[in-house]
Protein backbone atom coordinates (compact mmCIF):
# COMPACT_ATOMS: atom_id res chain seq x y z
CA MET A 1 -0.10 0.00 -0.01
CA TYR A 2 2.81 2.42 0.75
CA PHE A 3 4.60 1.60 -2.29
CA CYS A 4 1.49 2.38 -4.41
CA SER A 5 1.03 5.59 -2.64
CA ALA A 6 4.47 6.78 -3.16
CA MET A 7 4.13 5.93 -6.93
CA ALA A 8 1.06 7.82 -6.86
CA GLU A 9 3.01 10.91 -5.09
CA ASP A 10 6.03 10.69 -7.40
CA LEU A 11 3.63 10.38 -10.28
CA ARG A 12 1.72 13.65 -8.78
CA SER A 13 4.99 15.64 -7.96
CA LYS A 14 6.58 14.76 -11.84
CA THR A 15 2.89 16.09 -13.37
CA ALA A 16 3.23 19.57 -11.41
CA LYS A 17 6.85 20.17 -12.07
CA GLY A 18 6.31 18.90 -15.80
CA LEU A 19 3.33 21.46 -16.11
CA VAL A 20 5.25 24.23 -14.42
CA TRP A 21 8.39 23.72 -16.42
CA GLY A 22 6.45 23.34 -19.58
CA LEU A 23 4.42 26.83 -18.63
CA LEU A 24 7.87 28.10 -17.87
CA ASN A 25 9.05 27.27 -21.53
CA ASN A 26 6.15 28.22 -23.37
CA GLY A 27 5.78 31.25 -21.28
CA THR A 28 9.20 32.10 -21.82
CA MET A 29 9.31 31.16 -25.72
CA GLN A 30 6.52 32.79 -26.74
CA VAL A 31 7.49 36.00 -24.68
CA LEU A 32 10.91 36.25 -26.57
CA ASN A 33 8.84 35.26 -29.66
CA LEU A 34 6.69 38.14 -29.16
CA LEU A 35 9.37 40.49 -28.50
CA PHE A 36 11.38 39.23 -31.87
CA GLY A 37 8.38 39.59 -33.38
CA ILE A 38 7.44 42.87 -32.85
CA VAL A 39 10.89 44.49 -33.95
CA LEU A 40 10.56 42.07 -37.29
CA GLY A 41 6.65 43.48 -37.25
CA ARG A 42 8.17 46.71 -37.30
CA LEU A 43 10.91 45.82 -39.68
CA LEU A 44 9.06 44.32 -42.21
CA SER A 45 5.98 44.63 -44.34
CA PRO A 46 2.91 42.39 -44.16
CA GLU A 47 4.22 41.62 -47.93
CA GLU A 48 7.66 40.71 -46.98
CA TYR A 49 6.06 38.38 -44.46
CA GLY A 50 3.38 36.83 -46.72
CA VAL A 51 6.36 35.72 -49.29
CA VAL A 52 7.68 33.09 -46.22
CA GLY A 53 4.09 33.04 -44.61
CA VAL A 54 2.77 30.67 -47.92
CA LEU A 55 5.50 27.83 -47.80
CA ALA A 56 4.29 27.18 -43.81
CA ILE A 57 2.01 24.17 -44.94
CA PHE A 58 5.24 22.78 -47.35
CA THR A 59 7.61 23.14 -44.43
CA ALA A 60 5.09 21.19 -41.97
CA LEU A 61 4.26 18.23 -44.42
CA ALA A 62 7.75 17.72 -44.82
CA GLY A 63 8.53 17.66 -40.95
CA ASP A 64 5.24 15.59 -40.55
CA LEU A 65 6.51 12.93 -43.18
CA GLN A 66 9.99 12.90 -41.85
CA SER A 67 8.95 12.12 -38.27
CA ALA A 68 5.63 9.95 -39.18
CA GLY A 69 4.43 9.63 -36.03
CA PHE A 70 7.39 7.81 -33.98
CA SER A 71 7.98 10.33 -31.59
CA GLN A 72 5.09 9.27 -29.84
CA ALA A 73 5.09 5.47 -30.47
CA LEU A 74 8.20 6.01 -28.59
CA VAL A 75 6.94 7.64 -25.65
CA ASN A 76 4.32 4.99 -25.48
CA ILE A 77 6.69 2.22 -25.26
CA LYS A 78 7.03 1.55 -21.41
CA GLU A 79 10.70 1.17 -21.48
CA PRO A 80 12.32 1.90 -25.20
CA LYS A 81 15.79 0.61 -25.48
CA ASP A 82 18.46 2.15 -27.31
CA ASN A 83 17.77 0.19 -30.56
CA ASP A 84 14.48 1.49 -30.57
CA TYR A 85 15.73 4.83 -30.53
CA ASN A 86 18.59 4.53 -33.29
CA ALA A 87 15.94 3.12 -35.52
CA VAL A 88 13.87 6.26 -35.54
CA PHE A 89 16.53 8.51 -35.90
CA TRP A 90 18.22 6.98 -39.31
CA PHE A 91 14.65 6.38 -40.79
CA ASN A 92 13.98 10.50 -39.87
CA VAL A 93 17.27 11.11 -41.41
CA LEU A 94 17.15 8.90 -44.41
CA THR A 95 13.62 10.05 -44.80
CA SER A 96 14.30 13.63 -44.82
CA ILE A 97 17.38 13.39 -47.22
CA MET A 98 14.65 11.96 -49.92
CA LEU A 99 12.01 14.56 -48.96
CA TYR A 100 14.49 17.69 -48.89
CA ALA A 101 15.01 16.75 -52.90
CA ILE A 102 11.68 16.38 -54.16
CA LEU A 103 10.92 19.77 -52.55
CA PHE A 104 13.98 21.06 -54.19
CA LEU A 105 12.88 20.20 -57.50
CA CYS A 106 9.28 21.16 -56.49
CA ALA A 107 10.54 24.73 -56.16
CA PRO A 108 9.79 26.46 -59.26
CA LEU A 109 5.67 24.67 -59.00
CA ILE A 110 5.57 26.16 -56.05
CA ALA A 111 6.82 29.86 -57.09
CA GLN A 112 4.25 29.16 -60.09
CA PHE A 113 0.85 28.04 -57.87
CA PHE A 114 1.40 31.39 -55.52
CA HIS A 115 2.48 33.66 -58.63
CA ASP A 116 5.88 34.62 -57.09
CA PRO A 117 8.86 33.52 -58.41
CA ARG A 118 10.92 34.85 -55.89
CA LEU A 119 9.43 31.67 -53.63
CA VAL A 120 12.24 29.24 -55.70
CA ASP A 121 15.33 30.31 -53.73
CA VAL A 122 13.38 31.02 -50.94
CA SER A 123 11.81 27.95 -50.04
CA ARG A 124 14.96 26.01 -51.48
CA LEU A 125 16.71 27.45 -48.04
CA VAL A 126 13.52 27.40 -45.96
CA PHE A 127 12.87 23.40 -46.39
CA LEU A 128 16.78 23.26 -45.68
CA SER A 129 14.89 23.73 -41.95
CA PHE A 130 12.93 20.11 -42.10
CA PHE A 131 16.24 18.46 -42.87
CA ILE A 132 18.11 19.65 -40.25
CA SER A 133 15.12 18.78 -37.53
CA SER A 134 15.48 15.21 -38.54
CA LEU A 135 18.78 14.94 -37.03
CA GLY A 136 17.23 16.05 -33.53
CA ILE A 137 13.90 13.98 -33.24
CA ALA A 138 15.08 11.29 -31.49
CA HIS A 139 16.61 12.78 -28.67
CA SER A 140 14.00 14.89 -28.87
CA ALA A 141 11.64 11.88 -27.97
CA TYR A 142 14.07 10.78 -25.47
CA LEU A 143 13.72 14.20 -23.15
CA TRP A 144 9.93 14.15 -23.67
CA LYS A 145 9.72 10.25 -22.78
CA ASN A 146 11.48 11.03 -19.38
CA LEU A 147 9.48 14.21 -18.42
CA MET A 148 12.87 16.36 -18.73
CA VAL A 149 10.92 19.37 -19.25
CA LYS A 150 13.55 21.63 -17.49
CA GLU A 151 16.05 20.30 -20.10
CA ASN A 152 13.75 21.30 -23.17
CA THR A 153 12.90 24.65 -21.56
CA ILE A 154 16.90 25.81 -21.77
CA ALA A 155 17.12 24.58 -25.32
CA GLY A 156 14.14 26.24 -26.51
CA PHE A 157 15.22 29.36 -24.52
CA VAL A 158 19.05 29.25 -25.61
CA SER A 159 17.47 28.25 -29.56
CA LEU A 160 14.93 31.26 -29.79
CA VAL A 161 17.51 33.61 -28.35
CA CYS A 162 19.99 32.97 -31.37
CA SER A 163 17.65 32.24 -33.96
CA GLY A 164 15.81 35.73 -32.91
CA ALA A 165 19.35 37.92 -33.13
CA VAL A 166 19.97 36.25 -36.54
CA GLY A 167 16.35 37.36 -37.48
CA VAL A 168 16.14 40.99 -36.54
CA THR A 169 19.88 41.46 -37.70
CA LEU A 170 19.73 40.49 -41.15
CA ALA A 171 16.22 42.61 -41.08
CA VAL A 172 18.62 46.00 -40.04
CA LEU A 173 20.50 45.02 -42.81
CA GLY A 174 18.00 45.02 -45.61
CA TYR A 175 17.77 41.59 -46.16
CA SER A 176 13.73 41.94 -46.13
CA TYR A 177 11.81 38.57 -46.10
CA TRP A 178 15.50 36.57 -45.81
CA SER A 179 15.59 37.32 -42.82
CA LEU A 180 12.79 35.33 -41.86
CA ALA A 181 14.39 32.06 -43.61
CA TRP A 182 17.42 32.43 -42.03
CA GLN A 183 16.16 32.87 -38.76
CA GLN A 184 14.27 29.28 -39.47
CA ILE A 185 17.52 27.81 -39.77
CA VAL A 186 19.39 28.94 -37.29
CA TYR A 187 16.85 27.95 -34.60
CA ILE A 188 16.13 24.11 -35.59
CA SER A 189 20.35 24.08 -35.65
CA VAL A 190 20.79 25.50 -32.32
CA LEU A 191 17.87 23.41 -30.90
CA ASN A 192 19.22 20.09 -32.18
CA ILE A 193 22.75 20.79 -30.14
CA MET A 194 20.71 21.95 -27.31
CA ARG A 195 18.97 18.18 -27.26
CA LEU A 196 22.18 16.55 -27.97
CA ARG A 197 23.76 18.02 -25.27
CA TYR A 198 21.22 16.99 -22.53
CA SER A 199 19.79 13.46 -23.85
CA ARG A 200 21.79 10.75 -22.37
CA TRP A 201 21.20 8.68 -25.79
CA ARG A 202 23.79 8.66 -28.62
CA PRO A 203 23.02 7.38 -32.16
CA SER A 204 25.04 4.02 -33.54
CA LEU A 205 26.01 3.53 -37.31
CA THR A 206 23.86 0.52 -36.64
CA LEU A 207 20.84 -0.06 -39.19
CA ASP A 208 18.45 -2.00 -37.92
CA PHE A 209 15.20 -1.06 -38.89
CA ALA A 210 13.10 -3.92 -36.96
CA PRO A 211 11.58 -1.46 -34.29
CA ILE A 212 9.79 0.67 -36.98
CA ARG A 213 7.82 -2.01 -38.32
CA GLN A 214 6.66 -2.73 -34.94
CA MET A 215 6.31 0.43 -34.24
CA PHE A 216 4.93 1.14 -37.62
CA PRO A 217 1.04 0.01 -36.84
CA PHE A 218 0.84 2.81 -34.20
CA ALA A 219 2.68 5.51 -36.16
CA VAL A 220 1.30 5.06 -39.39
CA LYS A 221 -2.14 6.52 -38.13
CA LEU A 222 -0.06 9.08 -36.87
CA LEU A 223 1.16 10.13 -39.66
CA VAL A 224 -1.56 10.34 -41.08
CA THR A 225 -3.60 12.76 -38.97
CA LYS A 226 -0.60 14.79 -38.39
CA LEU A 227 -0.67 15.51 -42.24
CA LEU A 228 -4.39 16.48 -42.06
CA THR A 229 -3.65 18.40 -38.91
CA THR A 230 -1.43 19.99 -40.83
CA LEU A 231 -3.36 20.89 -43.82
CA SER A 232 -6.08 21.61 -41.43
CA GLN A 233 -4.24 24.47 -39.42
CA ASN A 234 -2.80 25.81 -42.96
CA ILE A 235 -6.01 25.42 -45.21
CA LEU A 236 -6.81 29.30 -44.75
CA THR A 237 -2.97 30.42 -45.30
CA VAL A 238 -2.65 28.28 -48.72
CA ILE A 239 -5.91 29.66 -50.00
CA ILE A 240 -5.37 32.81 -48.99
CA GLY A 241 -2.29 33.03 -50.72
CA GLU A 242 -3.71 31.73 -53.74
CA ARG A 243 -6.67 33.63 -54.52
CA PHE A 244 -5.80 37.03 -52.48
CA SER A 245 -2.70 39.02 -52.40
CA LYS A 246 0.87 38.62 -50.06
CA SER A 247 0.13 41.65 -48.39
CA ALA A 248 -3.51 39.03 -47.47
CA VAL A 249 -1.04 36.38 -46.49
CA GLY A 250 1.07 38.89 -43.96
CA ASN A 251 -1.44 39.94 -42.16
CA PHE A 252 -3.42 36.80 -42.08
CA THR A 253 0.16 35.12 -41.20
CA GLN A 254 0.43 38.39 -38.20
CA ALA A 255 -2.91 37.21 -36.74
CA ASN A 256 -2.38 33.65 -36.81
CA LYS A 257 1.28 33.87 -34.77
CA TRP A 258 -0.29 36.22 -32.13
CA ASN A 259 -3.32 33.70 -31.31
CA THR A 260 -1.04 30.43 -32.02
CA MET A 261 1.74 31.89 -29.53
CA GLY A 262 -1.37 32.25 -27.08
CA HIS A 263 -3.05 28.99 -27.14
CA ASN A 264 0.49 27.28 -27.68
CA THR A 265 1.61 28.53 -24.39
CA ILE A 266 -0.47 26.79 -22.63
CA SER A 267 -1.23 23.77 -24.43
CA GLY A 268 2.48 23.32 -24.97
CA ALA A 269 3.09 22.97 -20.85
CA VAL A 270 0.68 20.23 -20.92
CA GLN A 271 1.64 18.49 -24.36
CA GLN A 272 4.92 17.84 -22.50
CA VAL A 273 3.64 15.78 -20.29
CA ALA A 274 0.01 14.69 -20.70
CA GLN A 275 0.69 11.62 -22.65
CA PRO A 276 3.36 10.00 -20.60
CA VAL A 277 1.16 10.70 -17.75
CA LEU A 278 -2.22 9.73 -18.89
CA ALA A 279 -0.15 6.86 -20.36
CA SER A 280 0.63 5.55 -17.16
CA VAL A 281 -2.46 5.05 -15.76
CA SER A 282 -4.12 4.10 -18.30
CA ASP A 283 -5.03 0.98 -16.71
CA ASP A 284 -6.42 1.64 -13.78
CA ASP A 285 -9.73 3.64 -15.41
CA ASP A 286 -11.01 5.87 -12.18
CA ARG A 287 -7.77 7.36 -11.45
CA GLU A 288 -7.29 8.11 -15.37
CA ARG A 289 -10.64 9.85 -15.34
CA ARG A 290 -9.23 11.99 -12.02
CA VAL A 291 -6.06 12.91 -13.94
CA PHE A 292 -8.27 13.75 -17.51
CA SER A 293 -10.58 15.91 -15.60
CA LYS A 294 -7.69 17.95 -13.40
CA MET A 295 -5.81 18.40 -16.71
CA LEU A 296 -9.31 19.97 -18.41
CA ARG A 297 -9.51 21.85 -15.68
CA PHE A 298 -6.47 23.43 -15.70
CA MET A 299 -6.59 23.99 -19.11
CA SER A 300 -9.95 26.03 -18.96
CA PHE A 301 -9.03 28.02 -15.81
CA ILE A 302 -6.08 29.29 -17.98
CA SER A 303 -6.98 29.23 -21.54
CA PHE A 304 -10.26 30.55 -21.76
CA PRO A 305 -9.08 34.37 -19.55
CA ALA A 306 -5.98 33.99 -21.62
CA LEU A 307 -7.36 33.67 -25.48
CA LEU A 308 -10.26 35.66 -24.46
CA GLY A 309 -8.55 38.40 -23.16
CA LEU A 310 -5.89 38.59 -26.11
CA ALA A 311 -8.96 39.13 -28.43
CA LEU A 312 -10.15 42.03 -25.91
CA VAL A 313 -6.76 43.63 -26.23
CA GLY A 314 -5.93 42.78 -29.87
CA ARG A 315 -6.66 46.40 -31.54
CA GLU A 316 -4.70 48.13 -28.92
CA LEU A 317 -1.63 45.13 -28.87
CA ILE A 318 -1.20 45.46 -32.44
CA LEU A 319 -1.06 49.26 -32.38
CA ALA A 320 1.20 49.16 -29.61
CA THR A 321 3.46 46.76 -30.99
CA VAL A 322 3.78 46.12 -34.56
CA GLY A 323 1.96 49.43 -35.58
CA GLU A 324 -0.80 50.78 -37.62
CA LYS A 325 0.59 49.07 -40.83
CA TRP A 326 -1.04 46.08 -39.43
CA LEU A 327 -4.56 47.18 -38.38
CA ASP A 328 -6.50 44.98 -40.92
CA SER A 329 -4.80 41.78 -39.00
CA VAL A 330 -7.03 42.60 -36.06
CA GLN A 331 -10.34 41.69 -36.98
CA LEU A 332 -8.32 38.47 -37.93
CA LEU A 333 -6.48 37.83 -34.42
CA GLN A 334 -10.01 38.44 -32.78
CA ILE A 335 -11.86 35.53 -34.36
CA LEU A 336 -9.07 33.75 -34.35
CA CYS A 337 -8.50 33.88 -30.52
CA ILE A 338 -12.09 32.52 -29.82
CA GLY A 339 -11.60 29.54 -31.78
CA GLY A 340 -7.54 29.45 -29.90
CA ALA A 341 -9.21 29.73 -26.58
CA PHE A 342 -10.34 25.43 -27.02
CA MET A 343 -7.24 24.31 -28.86
CA PRO A 344 -5.87 23.46 -25.11
CA ILE A 345 -9.07 21.75 -24.51
CA TYR A 346 -8.58 19.42 -28.10
CA ASN A 347 -4.81 18.81 -26.97
CA VAL A 348 -5.98 17.18 -24.12
CA TYR A 349 -8.74 14.97 -25.51
CA GLN A 350 -6.21 14.16 -27.72
CA ASN A 351 -3.54 13.34 -25.58
CA LEU A 352 -6.47 10.76 -24.22
CA MET A 353 -6.56 8.51 -27.09
CA LEU A 354 -2.95 8.85 -27.64
CA SER A 355 -2.15 7.44 -24.22
CA ARG A 356 -4.90 4.73 -24.96
CA GLY A 357 -3.01 3.79 -28.08
CA ARG A 358 -6.30 4.80 -30.26
CA SER A 359 -4.12 6.30 -32.70
CA ASP A 360 -6.92 5.07 -35.16
CA ILE A 361 -9.57 7.50 -33.38
CA TYR A 362 -7.09 10.20 -33.83
CA MET A 363 -6.50 10.01 -37.31
CA TRP A 364 -10.51 9.17 -38.65
CA CYS A 365 -11.62 12.80 -36.16
CA ASN A 366 -8.52 14.80 -37.57
CA SER A 367 -9.91 13.40 -40.99
CA ALA A 368 -13.52 14.44 -40.56
CA LEU A 369 -12.69 17.77 -39.41
CA LEU A 370 -10.08 18.54 -41.95
CA LEU A 371 -13.00 17.34 -45.11
CA LEU A 372 -15.32 19.54 -43.06
CA GLN A 373 -13.29 22.80 -42.84
CA ILE A 374 -12.56 22.31 -47.06
CA ALA A 375 -16.32 22.18 -47.50
CA VAL A 376 -16.65 25.42 -45.03
CA VAL A 377 -13.79 27.56 -45.75
CA VAL A 378 -14.13 26.92 -50.05
CA ALA A 379 -18.19 27.93 -49.65
CA CYS A 380 -16.86 31.13 -48.09
CA VAL A 381 -14.02 32.32 -50.00
CA GLY A 382 -16.35 34.34 -52.16
CA ARG A 383 -17.76 36.24 -49.42
CA GLY A 384 -13.94 37.42 -48.39
CA ILE A 385 -11.17 36.95 -45.63
CA VAL A 386 -13.29 37.49 -42.28
CA ALA A 387 -15.92 34.97 -43.38
CA MET A 388 -13.70 32.37 -43.95
CA VAL A 389 -11.70 32.70 -40.85
CA ALA A 390 -15.03 32.91 -38.75
CA ALA A 391 -16.48 29.72 -39.98
CA TYR A 392 -13.49 27.75 -40.14
CA THR A 393 -13.46 28.85 -36.23
CA LEU A 394 -16.70 27.90 -35.65
CA LEU A 395 -16.32 24.57 -37.13
CA ASN A 396 -13.17 23.72 -34.41
CA ILE A 397 -15.43 25.11 -31.87
CA LEU A 398 -18.53 22.60 -32.51
CA PHE A 399 -16.24 19.89 -33.06
CA VAL A 400 -14.91 19.25 -29.57
CA ALA A 401 -18.36 17.49 -28.81
CA VAL A 402 -16.90 14.65 -31.23
CA TRP A 403 -13.82 14.62 -29.29
CA GLN A 404 -15.83 14.35 -26.46
CA TRP A 405 -17.82 11.42 -27.52
CA PHE A 406 -15.34 9.42 -28.41
CA ALA A 407 -14.07 10.40 -24.37
CA LYS A 408 -17.13 8.33 -23.43
CA ARG A 409 -17.21 5.83 -25.54
CA ILE A 410 -13.56 4.91 -24.87
CA CYS A 411 -12.72 5.84 -21.40
CA GLY A 412 -16.05 6.36 -20.16
CA ILE A 413 -15.80 10.26 -19.16
CA ASP A 414 -18.86 11.44 -18.71
CA TRP A 415 -20.37 14.63 -20.75
CA HIS A 416 -21.74 16.29 -17.06
CA GLN A 417 -18.51 15.85 -15.65
CA SER A 418 -16.57 17.52 -18.85
CA ALA A 419 -19.16 20.17 -18.80
CA ARG A 420 -18.57 21.10 -15.06
CA ASP A 421 -15.32 21.39 -16.02
CA VAL A 422 -15.05 23.61 -18.92
CA THR A 423 -18.04 25.77 -18.94
CA PRO A 424 -17.59 27.54 -15.27
CA PHE A 425 -14.25 29.01 -16.76
CA LEU A 426 -15.72 29.65 -20.05
CA ALA A 427 -18.76 31.63 -18.48
CA VAL A 428 -16.47 33.92 -16.37
CA ALA A 429 -13.99 34.64 -18.53
CA VAL A 430 -16.91 36.15 -21.13
CA THR A 431 -18.49 37.87 -18.46
CA VAL A 432 -15.09 39.05 -17.46
CA MET A 433 -14.24 40.50 -21.16
CA TRP A 434 -17.37 41.74 -21.24
CA ALA A 435 -17.53 43.56 -18.60
CA THR A 436 -14.15 44.69 -18.64
CA TRP A 437 -14.58 46.12 -22.23
CA PHE A 438 -17.85 48.05 -21.25
CA ALA A 439 -15.97 49.71 -18.07
CA THR A 440 -12.97 50.51 -20.49
CA ARG A 441 -14.90 52.38 -23.11
CA GLY A 442 -13.94 55.81 -22.72
CA ILE A 443 -10.25 55.55 -22.78
CA THR A 444 -8.68 56.54 -26.11
CA ASN A 445 -4.91 56.36 -25.50
CA VAL A 446 -4.06 53.48 -27.08
CA TYR A 447 -1.04 52.20 -24.46
CA VAL A 448 -3.23 53.20 -21.35
CA LEU A 449 -6.21 51.21 -22.65
CA LEU A 450 -3.85 48.38 -23.34
CA ILE A 451 -3.10 48.02 -19.63
CA VAL A 452 -6.31 49.26 -18.13
CA LYS A 453 -7.89 46.53 -19.85
CA THR A 454 -5.48 43.89 -18.86
CA ALA A 455 -5.13 44.90 -14.98
CA LEU A 456 -8.65 44.98 -14.68
CA ALA A 457 -9.66 41.89 -16.91
CA GLY A 458 -7.01 39.57 -14.87
CA THR A 459 -7.64 41.13 -11.38
CA LEU A 460 -11.88 40.42 -12.03
CA TYR A 461 -11.09 37.27 -13.63
CA LEU A 462 -9.07 36.02 -10.56
CA ALA A 463 -11.43 37.74 -7.82
CA SER A 464 -13.94 35.63 -9.39
CA MET A 465 -12.23 32.78 -8.75
CA LYS A 466 -11.58 33.48 -5.27
CA ILE A 467 -15.46 34.00 -4.77
CA LEU A 468 -16.61 31.07 -6.38
CA ASN A 469 -13.89 28.69 -4.53
CA ALA A 470 -12.56 27.22 -7.54
CA LYS A 471 -10.43 24.66 -6.55
CA ILE A 472 -7.95 24.42 -9.07
CA LEU A 473 -6.97 28.21 -7.97
CA ASP A 474 -6.32 27.09 -4.42
CA GLU A 475 -4.01 24.30 -6.05
CA CYS A 476 -1.77 26.44 -7.74
CA LEU A 477 -1.46 28.87 -4.99
CA GLN A 478 -0.62 25.73 -2.69
CA PHE A 479 1.87 24.33 -5.30
CA LEU A 480 3.48 27.98 -5.60
CA ARG A 481 3.72 28.64 -1.69
CA LYS A 482 5.37 25.17 -1.63
CA LYS A 483 8.33 25.63 -4.22
CA LYS A 484 8.67 29.14 -2.27
CA GLN A 485 9.26 27.34 1.45
């Protein structure tokens, strides 16, 4: 009994530390991204951002094909051996070489599709980033499997500082969109060096792909899902890039960057611990439900006020940081943030399915979502960019119900319990944002309005949580007090 209790406490401690370091990691990364993004946003135009922005889908798809879901497959193995990591390492490297060769040759076709000859040379440089990343995927999986979130935090910080400094320096020197391309190359190169330093595993020259064949049934479903998810996340960029101007792509990229920074800060923290922790309790249904419920409450507690708050201050934030030339991105940012508030909740459901080894459900849900997104976006393309983004966002929010249906069917997660975990935080956040907007209508100075809205919304939300006696707030405060002692 004592042994079981000690194991539970150890898991709880590792999870809490992982969440704290995960939040620190993602928070630090997003703050640095914010600072470098502000500088680059002032130095570069929406049109210059759009040149590199339209390539995001190709880089992301190539990265998905290269990792092929084997990182998650390694994490799901109870005790992966050196041979497992080695097989994944060499598979990724060899696959990425072939993919880069294909994309290198396709660069003229990509430039033709987007009606921009500059993309030939730029794409060939940008695509190098996914080949370089293949060298660190196995090491990343090692850190992830062993919950080495602190080490990941340091690696991410160093790589972002180096790449951001290079990007800003090149932009100041007049290298235009090339500064964004080189920023990506430097980031992934430094990140891989840091991962290699912290990982205790090293590759060998032995080429044994037997572990790949064993992982393949699980990994291939993740691969298909990753490709579909990437298409889903970039379908708007592709359509905007083909139908509208590069400036329109740049404005959407700017808006989506802020939204992604917001929800990735939150979901990234849980992503680093959710699958390993849920996998460790997957043989105990009752305990699994409790862990899932707590993760759902934690996500809701943070995500709704953060992303809805970002929507609230969107106009002031854009004006105060990157300037008036980006005003056309404000409405897109506000719409995307509403959907972004639900992305961390998506993440918890997806990790629940993966921890159960149900990559098939993970795949089919994302397949259905992509098909619906394409249908909705194409139907709205004639109504303009705002209508496309709004329809896309609404569909993503409604699709949470599909994930909940599978959570109920596979793991017995009750609909009513999930609603009780999520709805109070959503309701309070919406009420607080409305009250803050109403109370600050008379303020005209952009900087004062940004500060007052942020301070007032944060104060009202925390006060509401305290009045409602939210347990998750007390647990967070207790954990922080223990860390100070």
